[in-house]
Every structure is written in structure tokens, then in C-alpha cells.
Amino acid sequence: MDKYDSKYDAADFSQNPKKYELFQTAQIAANVFSHDGEQDLPEGKHVAIQYRCTAFNRLYRRNEPVYTIVGTGRDLYANTLKNFVL
């Protein structure tokens, strides 16, 4: 991870949830694989995102924003993204 990387911050989201609805681009924080094991989104790839909703992430047991990756239709929790940009 680059020292300039800015990962998703759950504490910041809880204090400023509306800010997370405005982000339009981000980077993939870790490789994303489809159900058949094919690498769909490599780590570090820049993607256009659109806020979809806030949902409960059962893995981390907290509410997180969910984004749709423009062009793929794939939905990802915010913790799979980094370096958000307005």
C-alpha cells in the first residue's frame, strides 16, 4: 500500500455520511474476484462509482455505503475501495 493511499474510514462515515454519497471515483483496494474465480477488478484500478445505498456489512458488523461500479453494474461495499474523489 502506498503511503498516500486513503482507505475507507468507518468512523468518518459515521460522522459525515452525506459526504460518501458525493464520491464519483475511487481505486480498488484489493483484487475483486467473481464467483467463478476470475479476477474482475485488479487492485489499484481506477473506477467510476455511483452511490447506491447504505447497507449492513455482515462481515464487519457495521453500516457502510454501497457503490455501483459504472460500466460493470457490480456493487461493492466502501471497504473494498480507497482514494475516494468527489
N, C-alpha and C. Protein backbone atom coordinates (compact mmCIF):
# COMPACT_ATOMS: atom_id res chain seq x y z
N MET A 1 0.85 -1.18 0.00
CA MET A 1 0.00 0.00 0.00
C MET A 1 0.89 1.24 0.00
N ASP A 2 0.57 2.17 -0.84
CA ASP A 2 1.29 3.43 -0.96
C ASP A 2 1.01 4.30 0.26
N LYS A 3 2.02 5.06 0.70
CA LYS A 3 1.81 5.91 1.89
C LYS A 3 0.78 7.01 1.66
N TYR A 4 0.43 7.26 0.40
CA TYR A 4 -0.56 8.30 0.08
C TYR A 4 -1.96 7.72 -0.07
N ASP A 5 -2.10 6.40 0.04
CA ASP A 5 -3.41 5.79 -0.08
C ASP A 5 -4.30 6.20 1.08
N SER A 6 -5.55 6.41 0.76
CA SER A 6 -6.54 6.79 1.76
C SER A 6 -7.64 5.74 1.74
N LYS A 7 -7.64 4.84 2.73
CA LYS A 7 -8.62 3.77 2.78
C LYS A 7 -9.93 4.29 3.36
N TYR A 8 -10.98 3.52 3.16
CA TYR A 8 -12.29 3.82 3.73
C TYR A 8 -12.18 3.91 5.25
N ASP A 9 -12.79 4.93 5.83
CA ASP A 9 -12.74 5.16 7.27
C ASP A 9 -14.16 5.11 7.84
N ALA A 10 -14.47 4.03 8.54
CA ALA A 10 -15.82 3.84 9.09
C ALA A 10 -16.19 4.94 10.08
N ALA A 11 -15.22 5.41 10.86
CA ALA A 11 -15.51 6.49 11.83
C ALA A 11 -15.88 7.78 11.10
N ASP A 12 -15.18 8.08 10.02
CA ASP A 12 -15.50 9.28 9.23
C ASP A 12 -16.89 9.15 8.61
N PHE A 13 -17.22 7.96 8.13
CA PHE A 13 -18.55 7.74 7.55
C PHE A 13 -19.65 7.98 8.58
N SER A 14 -19.45 7.50 9.81
CA SER A 14 -20.48 7.70 10.84
C SER A 14 -20.66 9.17 11.20
N GLN A 15 -19.60 9.96 11.07
CA GLN A 15 -19.69 11.40 11.38
C GLN A 15 -20.15 12.23 10.18
N ASN A 16 -19.86 11.78 8.96
CA ASN A 16 -20.19 12.54 7.74
C ASN A 16 -20.80 11.64 6.66
N PRO A 17 -21.93 11.01 6.92
CA PRO A 17 -22.47 10.05 5.95
C PRO A 17 -22.84 10.65 4.59
N LYS A 18 -23.30 11.88 4.57
CA LYS A 18 -23.71 12.51 3.30
C LYS A 18 -22.52 12.72 2.36
N LYS A 19 -21.33 12.92 2.92
CA LYS A 19 -20.12 13.11 2.10
C LYS A 19 -19.90 11.89 1.20
N TYR A 20 -20.20 10.71 1.71
CA TYR A 20 -19.95 9.48 0.97
C TYR A 20 -20.92 9.27 -0.18
N GLU A 21 -21.99 10.04 -0.22
CA GLU A 21 -22.92 9.98 -1.35
C GLU A 21 -22.41 10.79 -2.54
N LEU A 22 -21.42 11.64 -2.33
CA LEU A 22 -20.92 12.54 -3.37
C LEU A 22 -19.74 11.99 -4.17
N PHE A 23 -19.06 10.99 -3.66
CA PHE A 23 -17.87 10.49 -4.35
C PHE A 23 -18.21 9.93 -5.73
N GLN A 24 -17.32 10.20 -6.70
CA GLN A 24 -17.57 9.77 -8.08
C GLN A 24 -16.50 8.84 -8.63
N THR A 25 -15.30 8.84 -8.04
CA THR A 25 -14.26 7.91 -8.48
C THR A 25 -13.53 7.36 -7.25
N ALA A 26 -12.90 6.23 -7.46
CA ALA A 26 -12.12 5.59 -6.39
C ALA A 26 -11.18 4.56 -7.04
N GLN A 27 -10.35 3.96 -6.20
CA GLN A 27 -9.49 2.87 -6.64
C GLN A 27 -9.92 1.60 -5.93
N ILE A 28 -9.72 0.47 -6.59
CA ILE A 28 -9.99 -0.82 -5.97
C ILE A 28 -8.89 -1.08 -4.94
N ALA A 29 -9.27 -1.36 -3.68
CA ALA A 29 -8.30 -1.53 -2.59
C ALA A 29 -7.68 -2.93 -2.57
N ALA A 30 -8.37 -3.92 -3.09
CA ALA A 30 -7.86 -5.29 -3.13
C ALA A 30 -8.49 -5.99 -4.33
N ASN A 31 -7.81 -6.98 -4.86
CA ASN A 31 -8.34 -7.70 -6.02
C ASN A 31 -9.75 -8.20 -5.75
N VAL A 32 -10.63 -8.03 -6.74
CA VAL A 32 -12.02 -8.49 -6.63
C VAL A 32 -12.21 -9.63 -7.61
N PHE A 33 -12.67 -10.76 -7.11
CA PHE A 33 -12.86 -11.95 -7.94
C PHE A 33 -14.34 -12.28 -8.04
N SER A 34 -14.76 -12.78 -9.18
CA SER A 34 -16.15 -13.18 -9.36
C SER A 34 -16.36 -14.56 -8.75
N HIS A 35 -17.59 -15.03 -8.79
CA HIS A 35 -17.93 -16.32 -8.19
C HIS A 35 -17.19 -17.49 -8.84
N ASP A 36 -16.75 -17.34 -10.10
CA ASP A 36 -16.05 -18.43 -10.79
C ASP A 36 -14.52 -18.32 -10.65
N GLY A 37 -14.06 -17.40 -9.81
CA GLY A 37 -12.63 -17.27 -9.56
C GLY A 37 -11.88 -16.38 -10.52
N GLU A 38 -12.59 -15.79 -11.47
CA GLU A 38 -11.95 -14.89 -12.43
C GLU A 38 -11.74 -13.52 -11.79
N GLN A 39 -10.55 -12.95 -12.01
CA GLN A 39 -10.26 -11.63 -11.44
C GLN A 39 -10.99 -10.58 -12.26
N ASP A 40 -11.97 -9.96 -11.66
CA ASP A 40 -12.78 -8.96 -12.35
C ASP A 40 -12.19 -7.55 -12.24
N LEU A 41 -11.73 -7.21 -11.05
CA LEU A 41 -11.22 -5.87 -10.80
C LEU A 41 -9.89 -5.97 -10.06
N PRO A 42 -8.79 -5.64 -10.73
CA PRO A 42 -7.49 -5.73 -10.07
C PRO A 42 -7.26 -4.59 -9.08
N GLU A 43 -6.48 -4.87 -8.06
CA GLU A 43 -6.12 -3.86 -7.07
C GLU A 43 -5.48 -2.66 -7.75
N GLY A 44 -5.88 -1.47 -7.34
CA GLY A 44 -5.29 -0.23 -7.87
C GLY A 44 -6.01 0.34 -9.07
N LYS A 45 -6.93 -0.41 -9.65
CA LYS A 45 -7.67 0.08 -10.83
C LYS A 45 -8.55 1.25 -10.44
N HIS A 46 -8.50 2.32 -11.22
CA HIS A 46 -9.39 3.47 -11.00
C HIS A 46 -10.75 3.15 -11.62
N VAL A 47 -11.81 3.44 -10.87
CA VAL A 47 -13.16 3.15 -11.35
C VAL A 47 -14.08 4.34 -11.08
N ALA A 48 -15.07 4.48 -11.93
CA ALA A 48 -16.13 5.46 -11.70
C ALA A 48 -17.17 4.78 -10.82
N ILE A 49 -17.62 5.48 -9.78
CA ILE A 49 -18.58 4.90 -8.84
C ILE A 49 -19.81 5.78 -8.70
N GLN A 50 -20.90 5.14 -8.31
CA GLN A 50 -22.14 5.87 -8.04
C GLN A 50 -22.71 5.31 -6.74
N TYR A 51 -22.99 6.19 -5.80
CA TYR A 51 -23.57 5.77 -4.53
C TYR A 51 -24.89 5.07 -4.78
N ARG A 52 -25.07 3.90 -4.17
CA ARG A 52 -26.31 3.16 -4.34
C ARG A 52 -27.17 3.22 -3.09
N CYS A 53 -26.57 2.90 -1.93
CA CYS A 53 -27.32 2.90 -0.68
C CYS A 53 -26.35 2.68 0.48
N THR A 54 -26.88 2.69 1.68
CA THR A 54 -26.12 2.29 2.86
C THR A 54 -26.72 0.98 3.32
N ALA A 55 -25.85 -0.01 3.56
CA ALA A 55 -26.33 -1.34 3.94
C ALA A 55 -25.47 -1.90 5.06
N PHE A 56 -26.01 -2.87 5.76
CA PHE A 56 -25.28 -3.52 6.85
C PHE A 56 -24.30 -4.53 6.26
N ASN A 57 -23.01 -4.36 6.58
CA ASN A 57 -21.97 -5.29 6.14
C ASN A 57 -21.82 -6.34 7.24
N ARG A 58 -22.25 -7.56 6.95
CA ARG A 58 -22.24 -8.62 7.97
C ARG A 58 -20.83 -9.03 8.37
N LEU A 59 -19.87 -8.89 7.46
CA LEU A 59 -18.50 -9.27 7.77
C LEU A 59 -17.91 -8.37 8.86
N TYR A 60 -18.11 -7.06 8.72
CA TYR A 60 -17.57 -6.10 9.69
C TYR A 60 -18.59 -5.66 10.74
N ARG A 61 -19.83 -6.09 10.59
CA ARG A 61 -20.92 -5.78 11.54
C ARG A 61 -21.11 -4.28 11.72
N ARG A 62 -21.25 -3.61 10.59
CA ARG A 62 -21.48 -2.16 10.63
C ARG A 62 -22.17 -1.73 9.33
N ASN A 63 -22.78 -0.55 9.36
CA ASN A 63 -23.36 0.01 8.15
C ASN A 63 -22.26 0.65 7.33
N GLU A 64 -22.33 0.44 6.01
CA GLU A 64 -21.35 1.02 5.08
C GLU A 64 -22.07 1.46 3.82
N PRO A 65 -21.50 2.46 3.13
CA PRO A 65 -22.05 2.81 1.84
C PRO A 65 -21.76 1.70 0.83
N VAL A 66 -22.68 1.53 -0.10
CA VAL A 66 -22.52 0.58 -1.19
C VAL A 66 -22.48 1.39 -2.49
N TYR A 67 -21.51 1.09 -3.34
CA TYR A 67 -21.35 1.81 -4.61
C TYR A 67 -21.51 0.86 -5.78
N THR A 68 -22.10 1.36 -6.87
CA THR A 68 -22.16 0.63 -8.12
C THR A 68 -20.98 1.08 -8.96
N ILE A 69 -20.23 0.12 -9.50
CA ILE A 69 -19.12 0.42 -10.40
C ILE A 69 -19.72 0.70 -11.76
N VAL A 70 -19.59 1.92 -12.24
CA VAL A 70 -20.17 2.34 -13.51
C VAL A 70 -19.56 1.50 -14.63
N GLY A 71 -20.40 1.00 -15.51
CA GLY A 71 -19.93 0.21 -16.65
C GLY A 71 -19.98 -1.29 -16.41
N THR A 72 -19.92 -1.70 -15.14
CA THR A 72 -19.98 -3.14 -14.84
C THR A 72 -21.28 -3.52 -14.15
N GLY A 73 -21.88 -2.56 -13.45
CA GLY A 73 -23.10 -2.85 -12.71
C GLY A 73 -22.83 -3.60 -11.42
N ARG A 74 -21.58 -3.83 -11.10
CA ARG A 74 -21.21 -4.57 -9.88
C ARG A 74 -21.30 -3.63 -8.67
N ASP A 75 -21.86 -4.13 -7.57
CA ASP A 75 -21.96 -3.36 -6.33
C ASP A 75 -20.86 -3.80 -5.37
N LEU A 76 -20.23 -2.82 -4.71
CA LEU A 76 -19.17 -3.10 -3.74
C LEU A 76 -19.37 -2.25 -2.50
N TYR A 77 -19.06 -2.83 -1.35
CA TYR A 77 -19.03 -2.05 -0.12
C TYR A 77 -17.84 -1.09 -0.18
N ALA A 78 -17.93 -0.01 0.55
CA ALA A 78 -16.89 1.02 0.56
C ALA A 78 -15.55 0.49 1.03
N ASN A 79 -15.52 -0.54 1.89
CA ASN A 79 -14.24 -1.04 2.39
C ASN A 79 -13.40 -1.69 1.31
N THR A 80 -13.98 -1.97 0.13
CA THR A 80 -13.21 -2.55 -0.98
C THR A 80 -12.62 -1.48 -1.87
N LEU A 81 -12.84 -0.21 -1.48
CA LEU A 81 -12.34 0.92 -2.29
C LEU A 81 -11.42 1.80 -1.47
N LYS A 82 -10.63 2.60 -2.16
CA LYS A 82 -9.72 3.56 -1.49
C LYS A 82 -9.58 4.79 -2.37
N ASN A 83 -8.96 5.81 -1.83
CA ASN A 83 -8.67 7.04 -2.57
C ASN A 83 -9.91 7.61 -3.27
N PHE A 84 -10.95 7.82 -2.48
CA PHE A 84 -12.20 8.40 -3.00
C PHE A 84 -11.98 9.83 -3.44
N VAL A 85 -12.64 10.21 -4.55
CA VAL A 85 -12.54 11.56 -5.08
C VAL A 85 -13.95 12.06 -5.43
N LEU A 86 -14.20 13.32 -5.12
CA LEU A 86 -15.51 13.93 -5.44
C LEU A 86 -15.67 14.12 -6.93
